[in-house]
Amino acid sequence: MIIISYLNLFGLLILFTTIIVILIFSFHLLIFTIKKKAFPKKLLIASFIGILLVSIQVGYSKYFFTFNTDDGEFYKGPVNSPTEKYTATAHYKTYGGAAGGVNLWVEITFNDEDNKIKTIYYSDAKSNFSMIWKNEDTLYIVNEEPNFPSSNRSIELNVEKEIYHDRGLVCKNLLMKKEYETCYQN
């Protein structure tokens, strides 16, 4: 999580620097065309490098997304599947200070596979949350705000094959494609 925050901060710094360099380049280009002075090659190269770095950072954040679950707090669970092959636990992390919200995720522990842990659900938290096993492989996650039906993030997931991310970042992810067959988003 901290590394991703620093990466985003670095990307923002590069973006602002690139904008400034492009503005300076544009000014020098204007002077070049009006007064026939030397073409600003160094500023052009710096502008292209900045644009390239910002593009790489945006692409990395979008296509190589990983869940930011490193320093979350325990919320609910554990909820064992009927034969105790899986254990579901929910965790949360606040964001944005006083005006922010709460991210919520559900992790599945594969008890038969050396306690391998896999995140299968990620969303903003709502006031009504619960987890219920429908059968051995299917977990029903209720995450809704009763007075606001359009904010319902409840879903039934096969823990072996399906995953949910409310903003769809996992669905575009190139690193996690082999971990699921079906990806849901809001």
Protein backbone atom coordinates (compact mmCIF):
# COMPACT_ATOMS: atom_id res chain seq x y z
CA MET A 1 0.00 0.00 0.00
CA ILE A 2 2.75 2.45 0.92
CA ILE A 3 4.68 1.64 -2.26
CA ILE A 4 1.57 2.25 -4.37
CA SER A 5 0.95 5.58 -2.60
CA TYR A 6 4.52 6.67 -3.31
CA LEU A 7 4.17 5.49 -6.91
CA ASN A 8 1.01 7.57 -7.32
CA LEU A 9 2.69 10.58 -5.69
CA PHE A 10 5.71 10.14 -7.99
CA GLY A 11 3.36 9.93 -11.00
CA LEU A 12 1.60 13.12 -9.93
CA LEU A 13 4.94 14.91 -9.55
CA ILE A 14 6.03 13.73 -13.01
CA LEU A 15 2.67 14.88 -14.44
CA PHE A 16 3.02 18.40 -13.04
CA THR A 17 6.65 18.61 -14.15
CA THR A 18 5.69 17.45 -17.64
CA ILE A 19 2.93 20.05 -17.88
CA ILE A 20 5.37 22.80 -16.91
CA VAL A 21 7.97 21.55 -19.41
CA ILE A 22 5.34 21.39 -22.18
CA LEU A 23 4.26 24.96 -21.42
CA ILE A 24 7.88 26.15 -21.54
CA PHE A 25 8.41 24.17 -24.78
CA SER A 26 5.31 25.75 -26.31
CA PHE A 27 6.57 29.21 -25.40
CA HIS A 28 10.00 28.48 -26.91
CA LEU A 29 8.37 26.96 -29.99
CA LEU A 30 6.35 30.13 -30.42
CA ILE A 31 9.53 32.21 -30.15
CA PHE A 32 11.22 29.86 -32.66
CA THR A 33 8.46 30.35 -35.22
CA ILE A 34 8.28 34.14 -34.73
CA LYS A 35 11.96 35.08 -34.40
CA LYS A 36 13.58 32.12 -36.16
CA LYS A 37 15.69 31.22 -33.11
CA ALA A 38 17.13 27.74 -32.44
CA PHE A 39 14.58 24.94 -32.22
CA PRO A 40 14.07 23.88 -28.54
CA LYS A 41 15.18 20.23 -28.96
CA LYS A 42 15.98 19.61 -25.28
CA LEU A 43 12.55 20.80 -24.17
CA LEU A 44 10.89 18.62 -26.82
CA ILE A 45 12.82 15.57 -25.58
CA ALA A 46 12.01 16.41 -21.94
CA SER A 47 8.33 16.74 -22.83
CA PHE A 48 8.26 13.36 -24.57
CA ILE A 49 10.07 11.69 -21.67
CA GLY A 50 7.58 13.18 -19.19
CA ILE A 51 4.61 12.05 -21.28
CA LEU A 52 6.13 8.58 -21.54
CA LEU A 53 6.70 8.34 -17.76
CA VAL A 54 3.15 9.47 -16.96
CA SER A 55 1.77 6.96 -19.49
CA ILE A 56 3.81 4.14 -17.95
CA GLN A 57 2.63 5.03 -14.44
CA VAL A 58 -1.04 5.19 -15.49
CA GLY A 59 -0.73 1.92 -17.42
CA TYR A 60 0.98 0.19 -14.51
CA SER A 61 -1.72 1.32 -12.07
CA LYS A 62 -4.47 0.14 -14.41
CA TYR A 63 -3.16 -3.13 -15.82
CA PHE A 64 -0.96 -4.35 -12.97
CA PHE A 65 -3.32 -3.47 -10.12
CA THR A 66 -2.97 -5.40 -6.89
CA PHE A 67 -5.32 -5.23 -3.94
CA ASN A 68 -4.25 -2.70 -1.30
CA THR A 69 -4.89 -5.09 1.57
CA ASP A 70 -1.57 -4.93 3.40
CA ASP A 71 -2.58 -2.89 6.41
CA GLY A 72 -6.32 -3.39 6.73
CA GLU A 73 -8.14 -4.25 9.91
CA PHE A 74 -10.22 -7.33 10.68
CA TYR A 75 -13.97 -6.74 10.26
CA LYS A 76 -16.03 -9.95 10.25
CA GLY A 77 -15.54 -13.68 10.25
CA PRO A 78 -14.17 -16.20 10.16
CA VAL A 79 -17.02 -17.94 8.36
CA ASN A 80 -16.20 -21.56 7.48
CA SER A 81 -17.63 -23.33 4.45
CA PRO A 82 -19.85 -26.37 5.19
CA THR A 83 -16.94 -28.86 5.09
CA GLU A 84 -14.42 -26.26 6.33
CA LYS A 85 -12.47 -26.43 3.09
CA TYR A 86 -12.57 -22.60 2.96
CA THR A 87 -12.66 -19.82 5.52
CA ALA A 88 -13.97 -16.35 4.64
CA THR A 89 -12.90 -13.24 6.53
CA ALA A 90 -13.71 -9.61 5.86
CA HIS A 91 -11.32 -6.71 6.37
CA TYR A 92 -11.58 -2.97 6.01
CA LYS A 93 -9.49 0.15 5.63
CA THR A 94 -10.58 3.76 5.85
CA TYR A 95 -9.50 6.30 3.26
CA GLY A 96 -9.78 10.03 2.68
CA GLY A 97 -9.90 11.27 6.28
CA ALA A 98 -13.12 12.70 7.70
CA ALA A 99 -14.80 13.05 4.30
CA GLY A 100 -13.59 9.66 3.02
CA GLY A 101 -15.04 6.21 3.24
CA VAL A 102 -14.23 2.60 3.94
CA ASN A 103 -12.88 -0.03 1.56
CA LEU A 104 -13.96 -3.56 2.34
CA TRP A 105 -12.59 -6.84 1.04
CA VAL A 106 -13.21 -10.54 1.59
CA GLU A 107 -10.35 -12.99 1.73
CA ILE A 108 -10.73 -16.73 1.32
CA THR A 109 -8.31 -19.04 3.09
CA PHE A 110 -7.89 -22.37 1.32
CA ASN A 111 -7.51 -24.65 4.34
CA ASP A 112 -6.56 -27.68 2.21
CA GLU A 113 -3.83 -25.80 0.31
CA ASP A 114 -1.41 -24.71 3.06
CA ASN A 115 -3.73 -21.86 4.06
CA LYS A 116 -3.35 -20.02 0.74
CA ILE A 117 -5.21 -16.69 0.90
CA LYS A 118 -7.03 -15.14 -2.04
CA THR A 119 -9.01 -11.90 -2.18
CA ILE A 120 -12.29 -12.44 -4.03
CA TYR A 121 -14.29 -9.30 -3.21
CA TYR A 122 -13.41 -5.59 -3.00
CA SER A 123 -15.83 -2.68 -2.63
CA ASP A 124 -16.83 0.36 -0.63
CA ALA A 125 -18.40 -0.74 2.64
CA LYS A 126 -22.11 -0.29 3.21
CA SER A 127 -24.00 -0.39 6.53
CA ASN A 128 -25.46 -3.90 6.03
CA PHE A 129 -22.72 -6.49 5.51
CA SER A 130 -22.70 -10.25 5.98
CA MET A 131 -21.28 -13.44 4.45
CA ILE A 132 -23.19 -16.70 4.04
CA TRP A 133 -22.03 -19.93 2.42
CA LYS A 134 -24.65 -21.20 -0.07
CA ASN A 135 -22.75 -24.46 -0.64
CA GLU A 136 -19.16 -25.68 -0.41
CA ASP A 137 -17.80 -23.38 -3.14
CA THR A 138 -20.30 -20.50 -3.22
CA LEU A 139 -20.22 -17.54 -0.85
CA TYR A 140 -23.02 -14.98 -0.79
CA ILE A 141 -21.76 -11.55 0.25
CA VAL A 142 -24.33 -8.97 1.33
CA ASN A 143 -23.05 -5.39 1.14
CA GLU A 144 -25.90 -2.93 0.87
CA GLU A 145 -27.29 0.34 2.13
CA PRO A 146 -31.00 -0.41 2.82
CA ASN A 147 -32.24 3.13 2.09
CA PHE A 148 -30.28 3.38 -1.18
CA PRO A 149 -31.04 0.37 -3.45
CA SER A 150 -28.74 1.64 -6.20
CA SER A 151 -25.74 1.23 -3.89
CA ASN A 152 -26.24 -2.53 -3.44
CA ARG A 153 -22.92 -4.38 -3.87
CA SER A 154 -24.19 -7.83 -2.87
CA ILE A 155 -23.09 -10.79 -4.96
CA GLU A 156 -22.85 -14.57 -4.98
CA LEU A 157 -19.36 -15.82 -5.89
CA ASN A 158 -17.81 -19.18 -6.62
CA VAL A 159 -14.62 -18.81 -4.56
CA GLU A 160 -12.57 -20.95 -6.95
CA LYS A 161 -13.53 -19.20 -10.21
CA GLU A 162 -15.02 -15.75 -9.61
CA ILE A 163 -13.93 -12.37 -8.31
CA TYR A 164 -15.59 -8.97 -7.77
CA HIS A 165 -14.17 -5.45 -7.74
CA ASP A 166 -16.68 -2.61 -7.62
CA ARG A 167 -14.64 -0.35 -9.95
CA GLY A 168 -13.51 -3.18 -12.24
CA LEU A 169 -9.76 -2.73 -11.74
CA VAL A 170 -9.23 -6.47 -11.28
CA CYS A 171 -11.13 -7.22 -14.49
CA LYS A 172 -8.51 -5.29 -16.51
CA ASN A 173 -5.58 -6.69 -14.56
CA LEU A 174 -2.99 -8.64 -16.53
CA LEU A 175 -1.30 -10.15 -13.44
CA MET A 176 -4.42 -11.70 -11.92
CA LYS A 177 -6.18 -13.00 -15.07
CA LYS A 178 -5.15 -16.61 -14.37
CA GLU A 179 -6.61 -16.54 -10.83
CA TYR A 180 -10.26 -16.37 -11.91
CA GLU A 181 -12.58 -17.30 -14.78
CA THR A 182 -15.23 -14.63 -14.27
CA CYS A 183 -14.79 -11.08 -13.04
CA TYR A 184 -17.68 -8.91 -11.91
CA GLN A 185 -17.79 -5.15 -11.50
CA ASN A 186 -20.47 -2.64 -10.67
